[in-house]
Amino acid sequence: MRKFALLFIFLALFNSISLISFSQQTKQFNEQNAFEYLKKQCDFGPRNPSSSGHKVCMNFLTNEMKKFTNDITVQRFTHYDSKDKKTIYLANIIGTFHSLKNTKKRRIICAHWDTRPRADRDKNEQNYNKPILGANDGASGVAVLLEISRIMNKIPPPTTIDVIFFDGEDFGEEGNIDEYFLGSRYFAKTLTYRNYECAILLDMIGDKDLRIQKEAFSYHHFPDLVNNIWNRAQKLGFTQFDNTINGEISDDHQILANSGISAIDIIDFDYKYWHTLEDTPDKCSPQSLKAVGNVILDYIYY
């Protein structure tokens, strides 16, 4: 009997160690997977609203997220383009990962999936009305969200997570702020759940020369959340997170904050290819995606 008891304890201990080992391995952010997601989006071409790339990418994101969760919401909405005098069709894609624990805590991890319809920062003025490919400005944040979703499919998060891909973030022309952040505006306007613990926005986080400073709006309004993330980066040894405070940046996080959600922006705004035709995958790095991805995973699970 004693032998059987010892054998039972050994097997239980072995299974426990195996589960821990499996859990640790599964939670490892795969930067190559993420980088393939980045390149895949760029293979569709520009993803600005009304383009062929936009339609293909919407289907891709929806189908990919269906592999990871059964709880998918596609928020379809329209916007009247005041410049071209036409209605454009957009969609936010939301995948929810439910916690197995009895908790009411719920968080948002988000990025925008559309790309800018005009390269109005390009060196060549003849390119100003051409849509950008958006490898960093769009595809990088989405790539990290997809890889994190793959992991949450394997190991449910301890709090419920809504992964949101916002559309129409970069649609507007400079000087007309009302035509930016269309997806987050629609989400905030139609908000059904109002007790989110927080929202973390990922934008332009694939730059090879990644340096993420603390964005001023985020830091001044939600310093505890910002410091929580940056402290985790320091603990994990990711020097891409810089403790200095950068200027205030208009982005989806401000729309969410104005709706009552504690929302911060993780963004490297010092990117010389911003809003140009040169925002291509060769300017991005798997290691940058890894740094951000692992910090977010640490926040989700620990």
C-alpha atoms as a PDB file:
ATOM      1  CA  MET A   1       0.000   0.000   0.000  1.00  0.00           C
ATOM      2  CA  ARG A   2       2.853   2.328   0.884  1.00  0.00           C
ATOM      3  CA  LYS A   3       4.458   1.685  -2.524  1.00  0.00           C
ATOM      4  CA  PHE A   4       1.200   2.600  -4.264  1.00  0.00           C
ATOM      5  CA  ALA A   5       0.924   5.788  -2.215  1.00  0.00           C
ATOM      6  CA  LEU A   6       4.471   6.787  -3.107  1.00  0.00           C
ATOM      7  CA  LEU A   7       3.804   5.969  -6.761  1.00  0.00           C
ATOM      8  CA  PHE A   8       0.649   8.100  -6.712  1.00  0.00           C
ATOM      9  CA  ILE A   9       2.534  11.039  -5.190  1.00  0.00           C
ATOM     10  CA  PHE A  10       5.305  10.661  -7.770  1.00  0.00           C
ATOM     11  CA  LEU A  11       2.852  10.590 -10.675  1.00  0.00           C
ATOM     12  CA  ALA A  12       0.955  13.600  -9.328  1.00  0.00           C
ATOM     13  CA  LEU A  13       4.208  15.523  -8.924  1.00  0.00           C
ATOM     14  CA  PHE A  14       5.371  14.503 -12.398  1.00  0.00           C
ATOM     15  CA  ASN A  15       2.081  15.607 -13.956  1.00  0.00           C
ATOM     16  CA  SER A  16       2.236  18.899 -12.081  1.00  0.00           C
ATOM     17  CA  ILE A  17       5.775  19.584 -13.306  1.00  0.00           C
ATOM     18  CA  SER A  18       4.753  18.587 -16.837  1.00  0.00           C
ATOM     19  CA  LEU A  19       1.805  20.976 -16.772  1.00  0.00           C
ATOM     20  CA  ILE A  20       4.007  23.818 -15.521  1.00  0.00           C
ATOM     21  CA  SER A  21       6.577  23.064 -18.217  1.00  0.00           C
ATOM     22  CA  PHE A  22       3.857  22.904 -20.885  1.00  0.00           C
ATOM     23  CA  SER A  23       2.372  26.162 -19.617  1.00  0.00           C
ATOM     24  CA  GLN A  24       5.711  27.971 -19.660  1.00  0.00           C
ATOM     25  CA  GLN A  25       6.501  26.747 -23.174  1.00  0.00           C
ATOM     26  CA  THR A  26       3.050  27.622 -24.499  1.00  0.00           C
ATOM     27  CA  LYS A  27       3.243  31.152 -23.105  1.00  0.00           C
ATOM     28  CA  GLN A  28       6.434  31.872 -25.034  1.00  0.00           C
ATOM     29  CA  PHE A  29       5.819  34.561 -27.627  1.00  0.00           C
ATOM     30  CA  ASN A  30       6.934  33.296 -31.031  1.00  0.00           C
ATOM     31  CA  GLU A  31       8.374  36.318 -32.809  1.00  0.00           C
ATOM     32  CA  GLN A  32       8.725  34.462 -36.106  1.00  0.00           C
ATOM     33  CA  ASN A  33       5.017  33.614 -36.091  1.00  0.00           C
ATOM     34  CA  ALA A  34       4.266  37.258 -35.372  1.00  0.00           C
ATOM     35  CA  PHE A  35       6.561  38.482 -38.131  1.00  0.00           C
ATOM     36  CA  GLU A  36       4.884  36.125 -40.599  1.00  0.00           C
ATOM     37  CA  TYR A  37       1.566  37.668 -39.590  1.00  0.00           C
ATOM     38  CA  LEU A  38       3.045  41.103 -40.305  1.00  0.00           C
ATOM     39  CA  LYS A  39       4.244  40.060 -43.754  1.00  0.00           C
ATOM     40  CA  LYS A  40       0.981  38.263 -44.520  1.00  0.00           C
ATOM     41  CA  GLN A  41      -0.989  41.464 -44.025  1.00  0.00           C
ATOM     42  CA  CYS A  42       1.399  43.356 -46.286  1.00  0.00           C
ATOM     43  CA  ASP A  43       0.985  40.658 -48.950  1.00  0.00           C
ATOM     44  CA  PHE A  44      -2.630  41.828 -49.211  1.00  0.00           C
ATOM     45  CA  GLY A  45      -1.389  45.278 -50.218  1.00  0.00           C
ATOM     46  CA  PRO A  46      -2.671  48.515 -48.638  1.00  0.00           C
ATOM     47  CA  ARG A  47      -5.646  47.861 -46.320  1.00  0.00           C
ATOM     48  CA  ASN A  48      -7.296  51.275 -46.451  1.00  0.00           C
ATOM     49  CA  PRO A  49     -11.123  51.228 -46.409  1.00  0.00           C
ATOM     50  CA  SER A  50     -12.774  50.425 -49.762  1.00  0.00           C
ATOM     51  CA  SER A  51      -9.592  48.818 -51.152  1.00  0.00           C
ATOM     52  CA  SER A  52      -9.333  45.194 -52.256  1.00  0.00           C
ATOM     53  CA  GLY A  53      -6.663  44.622 -49.591  1.00  0.00           C
ATOM     54  CA  HIS A  54      -9.064  45.857 -46.925  1.00  0.00           C
ATOM     55  CA  LYS A  55     -11.691  43.283 -47.875  1.00  0.00           C
ATOM     56  CA  VAL A  56      -9.212  40.407 -48.065  1.00  0.00           C
ATOM     57  CA  CYS A  57      -7.571  41.335 -44.764  1.00  0.00           C
ATOM     58  CA  MET A  58     -10.907  41.615 -42.963  1.00  0.00           C
ATOM     59  CA  ASN A  59     -11.763  38.060 -44.011  1.00  0.00           C
ATOM     60  CA  PHE A  60      -8.300  36.851 -43.033  1.00  0.00           C
ATOM     61  CA  LEU A  61      -8.423  38.401 -39.562  1.00  0.00           C
ATOM     62  CA  THR A  62     -11.932  37.118 -38.916  1.00  0.00           C
ATOM     63  CA  ASN A  63     -11.094  33.571 -40.006  1.00  0.00           C
ATOM     64  CA  GLU A  64      -7.780  33.545 -38.150  1.00  0.00           C
ATOM     65  CA  MET A  65      -9.414  34.658 -34.921  1.00  0.00           C
ATOM     66  CA  LYS A  66     -12.058  31.953 -35.311  1.00  0.00           C
ATOM     67  CA  LYS A  67      -9.215  29.436 -34.940  1.00  0.00           C
ATOM     68  CA  PHE A  68      -8.475  30.865 -31.505  1.00  0.00           C
ATOM     69  CA  THR A  69     -11.884  31.655 -29.994  1.00  0.00           C
ATOM     70  CA  ASN A  70     -15.532  30.863 -30.618  1.00  0.00           C
ATOM     71  CA  ASP A  71     -16.587  34.280 -29.335  1.00  0.00           C
ATOM     72  CA  ILE A  72     -16.139  36.571 -32.343  1.00  0.00           C
ATOM     73  CA  THR A  73     -17.970  39.823 -32.994  1.00  0.00           C
ATOM     74  CA  VAL A  74     -17.669  41.773 -36.241  1.00  0.00           C
ATOM     75  CA  GLN A  75     -18.922  45.324 -35.776  1.00  0.00           C
ATOM     76  CA  ARG A  76     -19.837  46.589 -39.232  1.00  0.00           C
ATOM     77  CA  PHE A  77     -20.428  50.306 -39.625  1.00  0.00           C
ATOM     78  CA  THR A  78     -20.274  53.066 -42.220  1.00  0.00           C
ATOM     79  CA  HIS A  79     -18.726  56.498 -42.477  1.00  0.00           C
ATOM     80  CA  TYR A  80     -19.451  59.275 -44.943  1.00  0.00           C
ATOM     81  CA  ASP A  81     -16.214  60.402 -46.589  1.00  0.00           C
ATOM     82  CA  SER A  82     -16.573  64.181 -46.689  1.00  0.00           C
ATOM     83  CA  LYS A  83     -13.728  64.563 -49.193  1.00  0.00           C
ATOM     84  CA  ASP A  84     -14.774  62.045 -51.845  1.00  0.00           C
ATOM     85  CA  LYS A  85     -18.496  62.399 -51.055  1.00  0.00           C
ATOM     86  CA  LYS A  86     -19.143  58.699 -50.617  1.00  0.00           C
ATOM     87  CA  THR A  87     -19.991  56.165 -47.936  1.00  0.00           C
ATOM     88  CA  ILE A  88     -17.223  53.796 -46.851  1.00  0.00           C
ATOM     89  CA  TYR A  89     -17.743  50.457 -45.146  1.00  0.00           C
ATOM     90  CA  LEU A  90     -15.680  49.471 -42.115  1.00  0.00           C
ATOM     91  CA  ALA A  91     -15.512  46.744 -39.491  1.00  0.00           C
ATOM     92  CA  ASN A  92     -14.084  46.263 -36.019  1.00  0.00           C
ATOM     93  CA  ILE A  93     -13.173  42.657 -35.272  1.00  0.00           C
ATOM     94  CA  ILE A  94     -13.427  41.536 -31.643  1.00  0.00           C
ATOM     95  CA  GLY A  95     -12.311  38.193 -30.251  1.00  0.00           C
ATOM     96  CA  THR A  96     -13.129  37.462 -26.607  1.00  0.00           C
ATOM     97  CA  PHE A  97     -11.066  35.065 -24.504  1.00  0.00           C
ATOM     98  CA  HIS A  98     -12.984  34.083 -21.403  1.00  0.00           C
ATOM     99  CA  SER A  99     -11.313  33.419 -18.082  1.00  0.00           C
ATOM    100  CA  LEU A 100     -11.908  30.028 -16.495  1.00  0.00           C
ATOM    101  CA  LYS A 101     -11.850  31.712 -13.109  1.00  0.00           C
ATOM    102  CA  ASN A 102     -14.911  33.191 -11.469  1.00  0.00           C
ATOM    103  CA  THR A 103     -13.857  36.782 -12.017  1.00  0.00           C
ATOM    104  CA  LYS A 104     -15.605  39.862 -13.349  1.00  0.00           C
ATOM    105  CA  LYS A 105     -12.350  41.455 -14.441  1.00  0.00           C
ATOM    106  CA  ARG A 106     -12.171  42.246 -18.148  1.00  0.00           C
ATOM    107  CA  ARG A 107      -9.474  43.957 -20.194  1.00  0.00           C
ATOM    108  CA  ILE A 108      -8.952  45.183 -23.749  1.00  0.00           C
ATOM    109  CA  ILE A 109      -5.823  44.612 -25.840  1.00  0.00           C
ATOM    110  CA  CYS A 110      -6.165  46.424 -29.164  1.00  0.00           C
ATOM    111  CA  ALA A 111      -4.595  47.768 -32.367  1.00  0.00           C
ATOM    112  CA  HIS A 112      -5.809  49.260 -35.638  1.00  0.00           C
ATOM    113  CA  TRP A 113      -5.808  47.038 -38.722  1.00  0.00           C
ATOM    114  CA  ASP A 114      -6.485  49.584 -41.457  1.00  0.00           C
ATOM    115  CA  THR A 115      -3.738  51.454 -43.288  1.00  0.00           C
ATOM    116  CA  ARG A 116      -3.536  55.070 -44.362  1.00  0.00           C
ATOM    117  CA  PRO A 117      -5.133  55.906 -47.734  1.00  0.00           C
ATOM    118  CA  ARG A 118      -2.547  58.606 -48.475  1.00  0.00           C
ATOM    119  CA  ALA A 119       1.247  58.794 -48.173  1.00  0.00           C
ATOM    120  CA  ASP A 120       1.131  62.469 -47.250  1.00  0.00           C
ATOM    121  CA  ARG A 121       4.513  62.364 -45.480  1.00  0.00           C
ATOM    122  CA  ASP A 122       6.367  60.850 -48.401  1.00  0.00           C
ATOM    123  CA  LYS A 123       9.497  62.535 -49.777  1.00  0.00           C
ATOM    124  CA  ASN A 124       7.893  62.571 -53.212  1.00  0.00           C
ATOM    125  CA  GLU A 125       4.810  64.798 -53.482  1.00  0.00           C
ATOM    126  CA  GLN A 126       3.560  62.674 -56.382  1.00  0.00           C
ATOM    127  CA  ASN A 127       2.980  59.876 -53.856  1.00  0.00           C
ATOM    128  CA  TYR A 128       0.822  61.923 -51.505  1.00  0.00           C
ATOM    129  CA  ASN A 129      -2.450  60.391 -52.696  1.00  0.00           C
ATOM    130  CA  LYS A 130      -1.176  56.803 -52.840  1.00  0.00           C
ATOM    131  CA  PRO A 131      -2.129  54.380 -50.026  1.00  0.00           C
ATOM    132  CA  ILE A 132       0.654  53.086 -47.792  1.00  0.00           C
ATOM    133  CA  LEU A 133       1.528  49.444 -47.117  1.00  0.00           C
ATOM    134  CA  GLY A 134       1.610  50.009 -43.359  1.00  0.00           C
ATOM    135  CA  ALA A 135       4.025  47.305 -42.196  1.00  0.00           C
ATOM    136  CA  ASN A 136       4.710  49.120 -38.944  1.00  0.00           C
ATOM    137  CA  ASP A 137       1.742  51.501 -38.881  1.00  0.00           C
ATOM    138  CA  GLY A 138      -0.996  48.915 -38.660  1.00  0.00           C
ATOM    139  CA  ALA A 139       0.396  45.450 -39.336  1.00  0.00           C
ATOM    140  CA  SER A 140       2.842  45.329 -36.395  1.00  0.00           C
ATOM    141  CA  GLY A 141       0.240  45.768 -33.653  1.00  0.00           C
ATOM    142  CA  VAL A 142      -2.119  43.338 -35.372  1.00  0.00           C
ATOM    143  CA  ALA A 143       0.668  40.758 -35.680  1.00  0.00           C
ATOM    144  CA  VAL A 144       1.332  40.862 -31.931  1.00  0.00           C
ATOM    145  CA  LEU A 145      -2.388  40.549 -31.153  1.00  0.00           C
ATOM    146  CA  LEU A 146      -2.716  37.498 -33.386  1.00  0.00           C
ATOM    147  CA  GLU A 147       0.241  35.741 -31.762  1.00  0.00           C
ATOM    148  CA  ILE A 148      -1.078  36.572 -28.276  1.00  0.00           C
ATOM    149  CA  SER A 149      -4.479  35.218 -29.336  1.00  0.00           C
ATOM    150  CA  ARG A 150      -2.855  31.953 -30.406  1.00  0.00           C
ATOM    151  CA  ILE A 151      -1.344  31.622 -26.941  1.00  0.00           C
ATOM    152  CA  MET A 152      -4.576  32.495 -25.108  1.00  0.00           C
ATOM    153  CA  ASN A 153      -6.294  29.779 -27.124  1.00  0.00           C
ATOM    154  CA  LYS A 154      -3.874  27.268 -25.559  1.00  0.00           C
ATOM    155  CA  ILE A 155      -4.016  28.716 -22.033  1.00  0.00           C
ATOM    156  CA  PRO A 156      -7.092  30.752 -21.076  1.00  0.00           C
ATOM    157  CA  PRO A 157      -6.170  34.071 -19.444  1.00  0.00           C
ATOM    158  CA  PRO A 158      -6.854  34.653 -15.730  1.00  0.00           C
ATOM    159  CA  THR A 159      -9.069  37.628 -16.655  1.00  0.00           C
ATOM    160  CA  THR A 160     -11.376  37.910 -19.648  1.00  0.00           C
ATOM    161  CA  ILE A 161      -9.616  39.610 -22.566  1.00  0.00           C
ATOM    162  CA  ASP A 162     -11.234  41.343 -25.531  1.00  0.00           C
ATOM    163  CA  VAL A 163      -8.788  41.467 -28.440  1.00  0.00           C
ATOM    164  CA  ILE A 164      -9.985  44.297 -30.679  1.00  0.00           C
ATOM    165  CA  PHE A 165      -8.842  45.191 -34.182  1.00  0.00           C
ATOM    166  CA  PHE A 166     -10.061  48.728 -34.856  1.00  0.00           C
ATOM    167  CA  ASP A 167     -10.814  49.900 -38.381  1.00  0.00           C
ATOM    168  CA  GLY A 168     -10.538  53.428 -39.781  1.00  0.00           C
ATOM    169  CA  GLU A 169      -7.929  54.695 -37.319  1.00  0.00           C
ATOM    170  CA  ASP A 170      -5.819  56.318 -40.028  1.00  0.00           C
ATOM    171  CA  PHE A 171      -8.504  57.442 -42.469  1.00  0.00           C
ATOM    172  CA  GLY A 172      -8.531  61.176 -41.821  1.00  0.00           C
ATOM    173  CA  GLU A 173      -6.603  63.993 -43.412  1.00  0.00           C
ATOM    174  CA  GLU A 174      -4.265  66.095 -41.305  1.00  0.00           C
ATOM    175  CA  GLY A 175      -6.216  68.909 -39.689  1.00  0.00           C
ATOM    176  CA  ASN A 176      -9.497  66.967 -39.681  1.00  0.00           C
ATOM    177  CA  ILE A 177      -9.326  64.945 -36.454  1.00  0.00           C
ATOM    178  CA  ASP A 178     -12.986  63.907 -36.720  1.00  0.00           C
ATOM    179  CA  GLU A 179     -12.189  61.469 -39.524  1.00  0.00           C
ATOM    180  CA  TYR A 180      -9.526  59.625 -37.557  1.00  0.00           C
ATOM    181  CA  PHE A 181     -10.152  56.785 -35.063  1.00  0.00           C
ATOM    182  CA  LEU A 182     -13.416  55.768 -36.699  1.00  0.00           C
ATOM    183  CA  GLY A 183     -13.415  52.245 -35.291  1.00  0.00           C
ATOM    184  CA  SER A 184     -12.727  53.191 -31.687  1.00  0.00           C
ATOM    185  CA  ARG A 185     -15.315  55.976 -31.951  1.00  0.00           C
ATOM    186  CA  TYR A 186     -17.931  53.471 -33.086  1.00  0.00           C
ATOM    187  CA  PHE A 187     -16.923  50.977 -30.395  1.00  0.00           C
ATOM    188  CA  ALA A 188     -17.128  53.640 -27.673  1.00  0.00           C
ATOM    189  CA  LYS A 189     -20.469  54.910 -28.963  1.00  0.00           C
ATOM    190  CA  THR A 190     -22.016  51.431 -28.923  1.00  0.00           C
ATOM    191  CA  LEU A 191     -20.289  50.223 -25.753  1.00  0.00           C
ATOM    192  CA  THR A 192     -22.324  47.493 -24.049  1.00  0.00           C
ATOM    193  CA  TYR A 193     -19.863  46.482 -21.312  1.00  0.00           C
ATOM    194  CA  ARG A 194     -18.803  49.426 -19.142  1.00  0.00           C
ATOM    195  CA  ASN A 195     -16.620  47.932 -16.446  1.00  0.00           C
ATOM    196  CA  TYR A 196     -13.369  47.287 -18.286  1.00  0.00           C
ATOM    197  CA  GLU A 197     -10.383  47.274 -15.969  1.00  0.00           C
ATOM    198  CA  CYS A 198      -8.198  48.821 -18.666  1.00  0.00           C
ATOM    199  CA  ALA A 199      -7.293  48.944 -22.359  1.00  0.00           C
ATOM    200  CA  ILE A 200      -3.806  48.652 -23.852  1.00  0.00           C
ATOM    201  CA  LEU A 201      -3.311  49.934 -27.386  1.00  0.00           C
ATOM    202  CA  LEU A 202      -0.410  48.713 -29.541  1.00  0.00           C
ATOM    203  CA  ASP A 203       0.565  50.980 -32.427  1.00  0.00           C
ATOM    204  CA  MET A 204       3.770  51.157 -34.477  1.00  0.00           C
ATOM    205  CA  ILE A 205       5.703  48.650 -32.370  1.00  0.00           C
ATOM    206  CA  GLY A 206       7.589  46.768 -35.103  1.00  0.00           C
ATOM    207  CA  ASP A 207      10.304  49.305 -35.941  1.00  0.00           C
ATOM    208  CA  LYS A 208      13.789  47.737 -36.099  1.00  0.00           C
ATOM    209  CA  ASP A 209      15.087  50.608 -33.990  1.00  0.00           C
ATOM    210  CA  LEU A 210      12.347  50.273 -31.385  1.00  0.00           C
ATOM    211  CA  ARG A 211      12.291  52.813 -28.555  1.00  0.00           C
ATOM    212  CA  ILE A 212       8.997  53.054 -26.712  1.00  0.00           C
ATOM    213  CA  GLN A 213       8.769  56.084 -24.468  1.00  0.00           C
ATOM    214  CA  LYS A 214       5.881  56.750 -22.099  1.00  0.00           C
ATOM    215  CA  GLU A 215       3.221  58.572 -24.089  1.00  0.00           C
ATOM    216  CA  ALA A 216       2.207  61.734 -22.221  1.00  0.00           C
ATOM    217  CA  PHE A 217      -1.596  61.363 -22.282  1.00  0.00           C
ATOM    218  CA  SER A 218      -1.308  57.781 -21.038  1.00  0.00           C
ATOM    219  CA  TYR A 219       1.170  58.666 -18.321  1.00  0.00           C
ATOM    220  CA  HIS A 220      -0.590  61.756 -17.000  1.00  0.00           C
ATOM    221  CA  HIS A 221      -4.018  60.115 -16.862  1.00  0.00           C
ATOM    222  CA  PHE A 222      -3.122  56.522 -15.959  1.00  0.00           C
ATOM    223  CA  PRO A 223       0.388  56.533 -14.461  1.00  0.00           C
ATOM    224  CA  ASP A 224      -0.086  53.350 -12.426  1.00  0.00           C
ATOM    225  CA  LEU A 225      -0.942  51.303 -15.510  1.00  0.00           C
ATOM    226  CA  VAL A 226       1.910  52.804 -17.543  1.00  0.00           C
ATOM    227  CA  ASN A 227       4.424  52.158 -14.768  1.00  0.00           C
ATOM    228  CA  ASN A 228       3.085  48.619 -14.354  1.00  0.00           C
ATOM    229  CA  ILE A 229       3.862  47.848 -18.008  1.00  0.00           C
ATOM    230  CA  TRP A 230       7.259  49.579 -18.063  1.00  0.00           C
ATOM    231  CA  ASN A 231       8.312  47.887 -14.819  1.00  0.00           C
ATOM    232  CA  ARG A 232       7.489  44.519 -16.351  1.00  0.00           C
ATOM    233  CA  ALA A 233       9.602  45.358 -19.397  1.00  0.00           C
ATOM    234  CA  GLN A 234      12.499  46.256 -17.119  1.00  0.00           C
ATOM    235  CA  LYS A 235      12.050  43.041 -15.131  1.00  0.00           C
ATOM    236  CA  LEU A 236      12.100  40.993 -18.338  1.00  0.00           C
ATOM    237  CA  GLY A 237      15.148  42.851 -19.669  1.00  0.00           C
ATOM    238  CA  PHE A 238      13.510  44.496 -22.678  1.00  0.00           C
ATOM    239  CA  THR A 239      15.442  47.725 -23.060  1.00  0.00           C
ATOM    240  CA  GLN A 240      13.208  48.858 -25.936  1.00  0.00           C
ATOM    241  CA  PHE A 241      10.931  50.364 -23.250  1.00  0.00           C
ATOM    242  CA  ASP A 242      12.331  53.771 -22.302  1.00  0.00           C
ATOM    243  CA  ASN A 243      11.305  55.431 -19.019  1.00  0.00           C
ATOM    244  CA  THR A 244      11.391  58.950 -20.473  1.00  0.00           C
ATOM    245  CA  ILE A 245       8.078  60.670 -21.224  1.00  0.00           C
ATOM    246  CA  ASN A 246       7.272  61.555 -24.818  1.00  0.00           C
ATOM    247  CA  GLY A 247       4.669  64.059 -26.035  1.00  0.00           C
ATOM    248  CA  GLU A 248       0.936  63.477 -26.200  1.00  0.00           C
ATOM    249  CA  ILE A 249      -0.187  61.467 -29.233  1.00  0.00           C
ATOM    250  CA  SER A 250      -3.720  61.424 -30.622  1.00  0.00           C
ATOM    251  CA  ASP A 251      -4.723  57.790 -31.043  1.00  0.00           C
ATOM    252  CA  ASP A 252      -7.466  55.265 -30.311  1.00  0.00           C
ATOM    253  CA  HIS A 253      -6.589  55.204 -26.600  1.00  0.00           C
ATOM    254  CA  GLN A 254      -7.886  58.756 -26.138  1.00  0.00           C
ATOM    255  CA  ILE A 255     -11.264  57.788 -27.579  1.00  0.00           C
ATOM    256  CA  LEU A 256     -11.470  54.856 -25.169  1.00  0.00           C
ATOM    257  CA  ALA A 257     -10.339  57.029 -22.246  1.00  0.00           C
ATOM    258  CA  ASN A 258     -13.043  59.579 -23.036  1.00  0.00           C
ATOM    259  CA  SER A 259     -15.614  56.773 -22.790  1.00  0.00           C
ATOM    260  CA  GLY A 260     -14.477  55.971 -19.246  1.00  0.00           C
ATOM    261  CA  ILE A 261     -11.896  53.219 -19.878  1.00  0.00           C
ATOM    262  CA  SER A 262      -8.375  53.475 -18.440  1.00  0.00           C
ATOM    263  CA  ALA A 263      -6.551  53.291 -21.771  1.00  0.00           C
ATOM    264  CA  ILE A 264      -2.859  53.662 -22.595  1.00  0.00           C
ATOM    265  CA  ASP A 265      -0.862  53.702 -25.817  1.00  0.00           C
ATOM    266  CA  ILE A 266       2.282  51.646 -26.379  1.00  0.00           C
ATOM    267  CA  ILE A 267       3.797  53.366 -29.399  1.00  0.00           C
ATOM    268  CA  ASP A 268       7.154  54.280 -30.925  1.00  0.00           C
ATOM    269  CA  PHE A 269       6.336  57.497 -32.716  1.00  0.00           C
ATOM    270  CA  ASP A 270       9.926  58.162 -33.782  1.00  0.00           C
ATOM    271  CA  TYR A 271       9.635  56.354 -37.124  1.00  0.00           C
ATOM    272  CA  LYS A 272      10.976  58.129 -40.173  1.00  0.00           C
ATOM    273  CA  TYR A 273       8.878  56.058 -42.599  1.00  0.00           C
ATOM    274  CA  TRP A 274       5.613  57.122 -40.968  1.00  0.00           C
ATOM    275  CA  HIS A 275       2.876  57.782 -43.560  1.00  0.00           C
ATOM    276  CA  THR A 276       5.229  57.105 -46.479  1.00  0.00           C
ATOM    277  CA  LEU A 277       5.413  54.401 -49.115  1.00  0.00           C
ATOM    278  CA  GLU A 278       8.574  53.166 -47.394  1.00  0.00           C
ATOM    279  CA  ASP A 279       6.682  51.716 -44.419  1.00  0.00           C
ATOM    280  CA  THR A 280       7.494  48.163 -45.542  1.00  0.00           C
ATOM    281  CA  PRO A 281       8.355  44.871 -43.739  1.00  0.00           C
ATOM    282  CA  ASP A 282      12.120  45.326 -44.181  1.00  0.00           C
ATOM    283  CA  LYS A 283      11.915  48.273 -41.752  1.00  0.00           C
ATOM    284  CA  CYS A 284      10.495  45.982 -39.060  1.00  0.00           C
ATOM    285  CA  SER A 285      12.006  43.340 -36.799  1.00  0.00           C
ATOM    286  CA  PRO A 286      10.775  40.113 -35.154  1.00  0.00           C
ATOM    287  CA  GLN A 287      12.762  41.097 -32.056  1.00  0.00           C
ATOM    288  CA  SER A 288      10.722  44.270 -31.659  1.00  0.00           C
ATOM    289  CA  LEU A 289       7.493  42.283 -31.847  1.00  0.00           C
ATOM    290  CA  LYS A 290       8.928  39.850 -29.298  1.00  0.00           C
ATOM    291  CA  ALA A 291       9.729  42.596 -26.805  1.00  0.00           C
ATOM    292  CA  VAL A 292       6.211  44.015 -26.865  1.00  0.00           C
ATOM    293  CA  GLY A 293       4.524  40.622 -27.083  1.00  0.00           C
ATOM    294  CA  ASN A 294       6.297  39.199 -24.066  1.00  0.00           C
ATOM    295  CA  VAL A 295       5.618  42.261 -21.937  1.00  0.00           C
ATOM    296  CA  ILE A 296       1.898  42.066 -22.763  1.00  0.00           C
ATOM    297  CA  LEU A 297       1.844  38.335 -22.029  1.00  0.00           C
ATOM    298  CA  ASP A 298       3.470  39.008 -18.686  1.00  0.00           C
ATOM    299  CA  TYR A 299       0.754  41.551 -17.927  1.00  0.00           C
ATOM    300  CA  ILE A 300      -2.001  39.147 -18.978  1.00  0.00           C
ATOM    301  CA  TYR A 301      -0.810  36.095 -17.055  1.00  0.00           C
ATOM    302  CA  TYR A 302       1.165  37.425 -14.110  1.00  0.00           C
END
